[in-house]
């Protein structure tokens, strides 16, 4: 037997049938011609299925009308009144369509990319300027996908449901389970960040989605914690973005590399180093073949994470605290690589012994 059609697909089939019927559809016509209703095992089962689906469509705002035959009062049919359901014509300016194009490009996560692309294509078809997105070309943000953690965290934030997940801390390399109350998701510097209350620490914390390991699992029921106050959310946001004074880091950057750092910073000469700056021993050697770039920053660990991603293309000369954080992250990465190498060699040894 062919597999049963899912309820959502059956509902969509019913909508298509009731919208396109020239007059009305009787129950018998629905059962015989709309895919999904033939799965009903009895007349009573069909009646319950059809009545439930009609109620669902009406709850969704679709006007399912009951139409009685003019000459036979017991001859009842159904249709959807398109005139009372359709939206008015959409008129988008070039600027509005351009902004929508930017918003669609933020959603790089695979689970949302198809929906946003399809929606934008439809909007371009009715907009006054089909190529209006070109007005903002070059300004489009690039946000990395949130991975498997993104969708469940979106649901958890919306439903106010606590979650647990395994997290790999950037600064310490610690990997352990966290139990949090998710407050808000932010896109920052090319990645997604969760603002939440850490139940174990009793304070607000921020978590990069790229550092979540494994699955995000729900804790308790929806509505399991109170929504954060405006003040709590503002404090958590300031702690993440950095509310301190803007400082300047000196980086040695390989020509043609690390374009984002160069775009934010300024190439300076060695004589432009501020008085009192203590460059590390061998800085002149490091600068050979590299540019000295002054880059503004607020959060040292955030700059360190960015620098690590560039590998040997960027070297931190000042301040020492950021340089130490970069070195610490690299050591953690090297230790993980050694562990994986030892595990691979052990597997090879076991295979040969077998």
Protein backbone atom coordinates (compact mmCIF):
# COMPACT_ATOMS: atom_id res chain seq x y z
CA UNK A 1 0.00 0.00 0.00
CA UNK A 2 1.24 3.54 -0.73
CA UNK A 3 2.17 5.57 2.36
CA UNK A 4 -0.52 7.79 3.89
CA UNK A 5 -0.41 11.45 2.91
CA UNK A 6 0.68 13.70 5.84
CA UNK A 7 -2.05 15.95 7.35
CA UNK A 8 -0.29 19.16 6.31
CA UNK A 9 -0.12 18.01 2.68
CA UNK A 10 -3.77 16.95 2.80
CA UNK A 11 -4.74 20.42 4.07
CA UNK A 12 -2.81 22.08 1.25
CA UNK A 13 -4.52 19.83 -1.29
CA UNK A 14 -7.91 20.81 0.14
CA UNK A 15 -7.08 24.52 -0.07
CA UNK A 16 -6.02 24.18 -3.71
CA UNK A 17 -9.21 22.28 -4.55
CA UNK A 18 -11.59 24.69 -2.78
CA UNK A 19 -9.88 27.76 -4.26
CA UNK A 20 -10.00 26.46 -7.83
CA UNK A 21 -13.46 24.89 -7.86
CA UNK A 22 -15.72 26.79 -10.30
CA UNK A 23 -18.69 26.61 -7.94
CA UNK A 24 -18.52 24.31 -4.96
CA UNK A 25 -17.32 20.85 -3.92
CA UNK A 26 -19.49 18.34 -2.13
CA UNK A 27 -18.10 15.98 0.50
CA UNK A 28 -18.30 13.12 -1.98
CA UNK A 29 -16.23 15.09 -4.48
CA UNK A 30 -13.68 15.97 -1.82
CA UNK A 31 -13.32 12.35 -0.77
CA UNK A 32 -12.97 11.05 -4.31
CA UNK A 33 -10.75 13.76 -5.86
CA UNK A 34 -8.63 15.42 -3.13
CA UNK A 35 -5.48 13.46 -2.33
CA UNK A 36 -5.38 12.34 1.30
CA UNK A 37 -9.06 11.78 1.97
CA UNK A 38 -9.07 8.43 0.24
CA UNK A 39 -6.99 7.17 3.19
CA UNK A 40 -10.08 7.31 5.44
CA UNK A 41 -11.07 3.74 6.39
CA UNK A 42 -14.78 4.46 6.84
CA UNK A 43 -17.44 7.10 6.29
CA UNK A 44 -17.22 8.17 9.94
CA UNK A 45 -13.44 8.48 9.73
CA UNK A 46 -13.78 10.66 6.62
CA UNK A 47 -16.38 12.87 8.31
CA UNK A 48 -14.13 13.45 11.34
CA UNK A 49 -11.11 14.13 9.11
CA UNK A 50 -12.96 16.58 6.86
CA UNK A 51 -14.65 18.48 9.71
CA UNK A 52 -11.34 18.76 11.56
CA UNK A 53 -9.61 20.10 8.45
CA UNK A 54 -12.36 22.68 7.82
CA UNK A 55 -12.04 23.93 11.40
CA UNK A 56 -8.27 24.17 11.04
CA UNK A 57 -8.52 26.23 7.83
CA UNK A 58 -11.02 28.59 9.43
CA UNK A 59 -8.75 29.03 12.46
CA UNK A 60 -5.99 29.98 10.03
CA UNK A 61 -8.21 32.73 8.63
CA UNK A 62 -9.29 31.00 5.41
CA UNK A 63 -13.00 31.68 4.63
CA UNK A 64 -14.38 28.19 3.95
CA UNK A 65 -17.96 28.87 2.86
CA UNK A 66 -20.89 26.43 3.01
CA UNK A 67 -22.90 26.62 -0.23
CA UNK A 68 -26.37 25.01 -0.47
CA UNK A 69 -27.88 23.95 -3.78
CA UNK A 70 -30.69 26.30 -4.79
CA UNK A 71 -33.15 23.50 -5.46
CA UNK A 72 -32.05 20.94 -2.86
CA UNK A 73 -31.51 22.18 0.69
CA UNK A 74 -29.76 19.01 1.74
CA UNK A 75 -27.22 19.22 -1.12
CA UNK A 76 -24.32 21.03 0.57
CA UNK A 77 -20.96 21.99 -0.91
CA UNK A 78 -17.90 24.05 0.04
CA UNK A 79 -15.54 26.59 -1.46
CA UNK A 80 -13.01 29.22 -0.33
CA UNK A 81 -14.00 32.82 -0.99
CA UNK A 82 -10.86 34.14 -2.67
CA UNK A 83 -12.19 37.70 -2.85
CA UNK A 84 -12.27 37.94 0.97
CA UNK A 85 -8.98 36.15 1.45
CA UNK A 86 -6.60 37.66 -1.10
CA UNK A 87 -4.26 40.45 -0.05
CA UNK A 88 -4.35 43.79 -1.87
CA UNK A 89 -1.78 44.35 -4.63
CA UNK A 90 1.74 44.85 -3.29
CA UNK A 91 3.68 47.86 -4.46
CA UNK A 92 7.35 48.00 -3.43
CA UNK A 93 9.73 50.82 -4.10
CA UNK A 94 13.27 50.13 -5.24
CA UNK A 95 14.61 50.98 -1.78
CA UNK A 96 12.13 48.68 -0.01
CA UNK A 97 12.95 45.78 -2.30
CA UNK A 98 16.65 46.40 -1.74
CA UNK A 99 16.22 46.24 2.04
CA UNK A 100 14.28 42.99 1.71
CA UNK A 101 17.12 41.59 -0.40
CA UNK A 102 19.57 42.42 2.37
CA UNK A 103 17.36 40.76 4.96
CA UNK A 104 17.02 37.61 2.85
CA UNK A 105 20.79 37.34 2.49
CA UNK A 106 21.23 37.33 6.27
CA UNK A 107 19.41 34.01 6.44
CA UNK A 108 22.20 31.76 5.23
CA UNK A 109 21.07 28.83 7.39
CA UNK A 110 20.01 25.92 5.19
CA UNK A 111 16.68 25.49 6.98
CA UNK A 112 15.60 29.05 6.08
CA UNK A 113 17.49 29.77 2.86
CA UNK A 114 14.97 28.13 0.50
CA UNK A 115 11.99 29.92 2.08
CA UNK A 116 13.62 33.36 2.04
CA UNK A 117 14.88 32.96 -1.54
CA UNK A 118 11.45 31.84 -2.77
CA UNK A 119 9.72 34.74 -0.99
CA UNK A 120 12.15 37.29 -2.39
CA UNK A 121 11.66 35.95 -5.92
CA UNK A 122 7.90 36.44 -5.60
CA UNK A 123 8.33 39.96 -4.22
CA UNK A 124 10.64 40.94 -7.08
CA UNK A 125 7.95 39.78 -9.49
CA UNK A 126 5.45 42.32 -8.12
CA UNK A 127 7.91 45.10 -7.22
CA UNK A 128 8.30 48.20 -9.38
CA UNK A 129 12.03 47.54 -9.85
CA UNK A 130 12.91 43.84 -10.30
CA UNK A 131 16.62 44.57 -10.01
CA UNK A 132 16.31 47.02 -7.12
CA UNK A 133 18.52 44.81 -4.94
CA UNK A 134 21.45 46.06 -7.01
CA UNK A 135 21.08 49.43 -5.24
CA UNK A 136 22.61 47.92 -2.12
CA UNK A 137 25.11 45.59 -3.77
CA UNK A 138 28.30 45.45 -1.75
CA UNK A 139 26.47 46.24 1.49
CA UNK A 140 24.94 42.79 1.87
CA UNK A 141 25.83 41.16 5.20
CA UNK A 142 27.33 37.72 5.34
CA UNK A 143 26.25 35.73 8.38
CA UNK A 144 27.47 32.17 8.78
CA UNK A 145 24.84 29.49 9.22
CA UNK A 146 23.83 28.76 12.79
CA UNK A 147 24.02 25.04 12.16
CA UNK A 148 21.80 22.49 13.86
CA UNK A 149 21.52 24.69 16.97
CA UNK A 150 19.80 27.58 15.18
CA UNK A 151 16.27 26.22 14.62
CA UNK A 152 15.74 24.72 18.10
CA UNK A 153 17.06 27.91 19.74
CA UNK A 154 14.69 30.07 17.68
CA UNK A 155 11.81 27.92 18.95
CA UNK A 156 13.12 27.98 22.52
CA UNK A 157 13.41 31.80 22.55
CA UNK A 158 9.89 32.15 21.17
CA UNK A 159 8.38 29.58 23.56
CA UNK A 160 10.42 30.67 26.61
CA UNK A 161 11.62 27.10 27.09
CA UNK A 162 14.90 26.32 28.85
CA UNK A 163 17.49 24.24 26.99
CA UNK A 164 20.73 22.38 27.60
CA UNK A 165 23.70 21.93 25.30
CA UNK A 166 27.42 21.18 25.35
CA UNK A 167 29.53 24.30 24.89
CA UNK A 168 33.21 24.76 23.99
CA UNK A 169 34.47 27.96 25.67
CA UNK A 170 36.79 30.01 23.48
CA UNK A 171 39.07 31.45 26.14
CA UNK A 172 39.59 28.41 28.38
CA UNK A 173 38.96 25.52 26.02
CA UNK A 174 36.56 24.05 28.59
CA UNK A 175 33.87 21.77 27.19
CA UNK A 176 30.88 21.15 29.44
CA UNK A 177 27.09 21.09 29.50
CA UNK A 178 25.23 24.36 30.02
CA UNK A 179 21.64 24.82 31.26
CA UNK A 180 20.25 28.14 30.07
CA UNK A 181 17.11 30.22 29.65
CA UNK A 182 17.39 31.58 26.08
CA UNK A 183 16.54 35.25 25.73
CA UNK A 184 17.59 36.52 22.32
CA UNK A 185 19.59 35.62 19.19
CA UNK A 186 21.93 38.19 17.67
CA UNK A 187 23.93 38.27 14.45
CA UNK A 188 27.36 39.81 15.04
CA UNK A 189 30.64 39.78 13.13
CA UNK A 190 29.55 37.05 10.76
CA UNK A 191 28.12 34.66 13.38
CA UNK A 192 25.12 34.00 15.61
CA UNK A 193 25.15 34.62 19.36
CA UNK A 194 22.64 33.55 22.01
CA UNK A 195 21.98 35.84 24.97
CA UNK A 196 20.68 33.78 27.87
CA UNK A 197 20.57 33.32 31.62
CA UNK A 198 22.95 30.57 32.72
CA UNK A 199 21.10 28.66 35.44
CA UNK A 200 24.27 27.13 36.86
CA UNK A 201 25.95 30.51 37.30
CA UNK A 202 22.81 32.50 38.07
CA UNK A 203 23.77 35.27 35.65
CA UNK A 204 23.37 36.30 32.02
CA UNK A 205 25.88 34.89 29.53
CA UNK A 206 26.44 34.90 25.76
CA UNK A 207 27.10 31.81 23.66
CA UNK A 208 28.34 31.59 20.08
CA UNK A 209 26.27 29.06 18.16
CA UNK A 210 29.39 27.91 16.31
CA UNK A 211 30.78 26.66 19.65
CA UNK A 212 27.75 24.55 20.57
CA UNK A 213 28.57 20.87 20.27
CA UNK A 214 25.93 18.25 19.54
CA UNK A 215 22.20 18.78 19.89
CA UNK A 216 20.23 21.45 21.75
CA UNK A 217 17.72 19.70 24.02
CA UNK A 218 14.65 21.16 25.71
CA UNK A 219 14.34 21.35 29.50
CA UNK A 220 10.85 21.37 30.97
CA UNK A 221 7.78 22.81 29.29
CA UNK A 222 7.22 25.97 27.19
CA UNK A 223 6.74 29.06 29.32
CA UNK A 224 9.12 27.62 31.89
CA UNK A 225 10.75 30.97 32.74
CA UNK A 226 9.77 34.62 32.83
CA UNK A 227 10.72 36.79 29.90
CA UNK A 228 13.72 39.04 30.66
CA UNK A 229 13.02 42.62 31.55
CA UNK A 230 14.14 45.38 29.22
CA UNK A 231 16.89 46.28 31.69
CA UNK A 232 18.18 42.69 31.90
CA UNK A 233 18.26 42.36 28.12
CA UNK A 234 20.00 45.73 27.75
CA UNK A 235 22.65 44.75 30.32
CA UNK A 236 23.27 41.42 28.59
CA UNK A 237 23.55 43.15 25.20
CA UNK A 238 25.99 45.73 26.53
CA UNK A 239 28.12 43.01 28.11
CA UNK A 240 28.28 41.21 24.79
CA UNK A 241 28.84 44.18 22.49
CA UNK A 242 31.25 45.86 24.86
CA UNK A 243 30.34 49.00 26.73
CA UNK A 244 33.87 50.08 27.61
CA UNK A 245 36.08 52.60 25.85
CA UNK A 246 37.24 51.90 22.34
CA UNK A 247 40.88 50.83 22.21
CA UNK A 248 43.39 50.22 19.45
CA UNK A 249 45.30 47.05 18.66
CA UNK A 250 48.42 46.89 16.50
CA UNK A 251 48.42 43.96 14.10
CA UNK A 252 50.97 42.71 11.59
CA UNK A 253 48.90 41.76 8.52
CA UNK A 254 50.08 39.94 5.41
CA UNK A 255 49.39 41.97 2.22
CA UNK A 256 46.28 40.83 0.39
CA UNK A 257 44.92 38.92 3.41
CA UNK A 258 42.43 39.63 6.23
CA UNK A 259 40.35 42.11 4.25
CA UNK A 260 37.82 42.69 7.04
CA UNK A 261 40.56 43.73 9.47
CA UNK A 262 42.08 46.09 6.91
CA UNK A 263 38.67 47.62 6.19
CA UNK A 264 38.16 48.49 9.89
CA UNK A 265 41.73 49.57 10.56
CA UNK A 266 44.37 51.94 9.28
CA UNK A 267 47.77 51.05 7.88
CA UNK A 268 50.40 52.99 9.85
CA UNK A 269 54.17 53.24 9.85
CA UNK A 270 56.45 52.00 12.66
CA UNK A 271 57.00 55.62 13.69
CA UNK A 272 53.25 55.93 14.39
CA UNK A 273 53.35 53.50 17.32
CA UNK A 274 52.03 55.37 20.41
CA UNK A 275 54.63 56.24 23.06
CA UNK A 276 54.79 53.67 25.84
CA UNK A 277 53.67 50.78 23.59
CA UNK A 278 55.72 47.72 24.41
CA UNK A 279 56.07 45.69 21.25
CA UNK A 280 57.18 42.07 21.72
CA UNK A 281 60.75 40.99 21.09
CA UNK A 282 61.23 40.26 17.40
CA UNK A 283 58.43 42.59 16.26
CA UNK A 284 60.69 44.00 13.53
CA UNK A 285 61.17 40.48 12.15
CA UNK A 286 57.41 39.81 12.24
CA UNK A 287 56.76 43.05 10.35
CA UNK A 288 59.07 42.04 7.52
CA UNK A 289 56.78 41.56 4.54
CA UNK A 290 53.71 42.58 6.57
CA UNK A 291 51.79 45.82 7.11
CA UNK A 292 51.33 47.41 10.52
CA UNK A 293 47.58 47.97 10.93
CA UNK A 294 45.92 49.86 13.80
CA UNK A 295 42.48 48.32 14.47
CA UNK A 296 39.87 49.69 16.92
CA UNK A 297 38.18 47.18 19.26
CA UNK A 298 36.22 46.93 22.50
CA UNK A 299 36.24 43.25 23.47
CA UNK A 300 39.66 41.66 23.58
CA UNK A 301 38.45 38.08 23.34
CA UNK A 302 36.29 38.91 20.32
CA UNK A 303 39.26 40.40 18.48
CA UNK A 304 41.34 37.37 19.50
CA UNK A 305 38.76 34.99 18.02
CA UNK A 306 38.79 36.93 14.77
CA UNK A 307 42.59 36.95 14.59
CA UNK A 308 42.83 33.21 15.21
CA UNK A 309 40.52 32.59 12.23
CA UNK A 310 43.08 34.26 9.92
CA UNK A 311 45.85 31.82 10.85
CA UNK A 312 49.36 33.11 10.11
CA UNK A 313 48.03 36.09 8.09
CA UNK A 314 47.63 38.22 11.24
CA UNK A 315 49.93 38.55 14.27
CA UNK A 316 48.98 40.61 17.34
CA UNK A 317 51.76 42.95 18.43
CA UNK A 318 49.80 44.98 20.98
CA UNK A 319 48.10 44.80 23.47
CA UNK A 320 49.72 41.86 25.28
CA UNK A 321 46.38 40.70 26.75
CA UNK A 322 44.89 40.09 23.30
CA UNK A 323 48.11 38.44 22.14
CA UNK A 324 48.00 36.09 25.14
CA UNK A 325 44.37 35.17 24.37
CA UNK A 326 45.31 34.34 20.78
CA UNK A 327 48.20 32.17 21.95
CA UNK A 328 45.91 30.41 24.44
CA UNK A 329 43.34 29.61 21.75
CA UNK A 330 46.03 28.32 19.41
CA UNK A 331 47.43 26.07 22.15
CA UNK A 332 43.98 24.64 22.82
CA UNK A 333 43.53 23.98 19.09
CA UNK A 334 46.96 22.33 18.90
CA UNK A 335 46.17 20.09 21.87
CA UNK A 336 42.91 18.99 20.26
CA UNK A 337 44.76 18.22 17.04
CA UNK A 338 47.29 16.12 18.96
CA UNK A 339 44.46 14.22 20.71
CA UNK A 340 42.80 13.48 17.38
CA UNK A 341 46.15 12.40 15.94
CA UNK A 342 46.78 10.03 18.86
CA UNK A 343 43.28 8.58 18.46
CA UNK A 344 43.82 8.01 14.74
CA UNK A 345 47.17 6.32 15.34
CA UNK A 346 45.57 4.12 18.01
CA UNK A 347 42.81 3.10 15.60
CA UNK A 348 45.38 2.25 12.94
CA UNK A 349 47.38 0.21 15.45
CA UNK A 350 44.27 -1.73 16.51
CA UNK A 351 43.36 -2.38 12.89
CA UNK A 352 46.83 -3.71 12.12
CA UNK A 353 46.76 -5.86 15.25
CA UNK A 354 43.43 -7.28 14.23
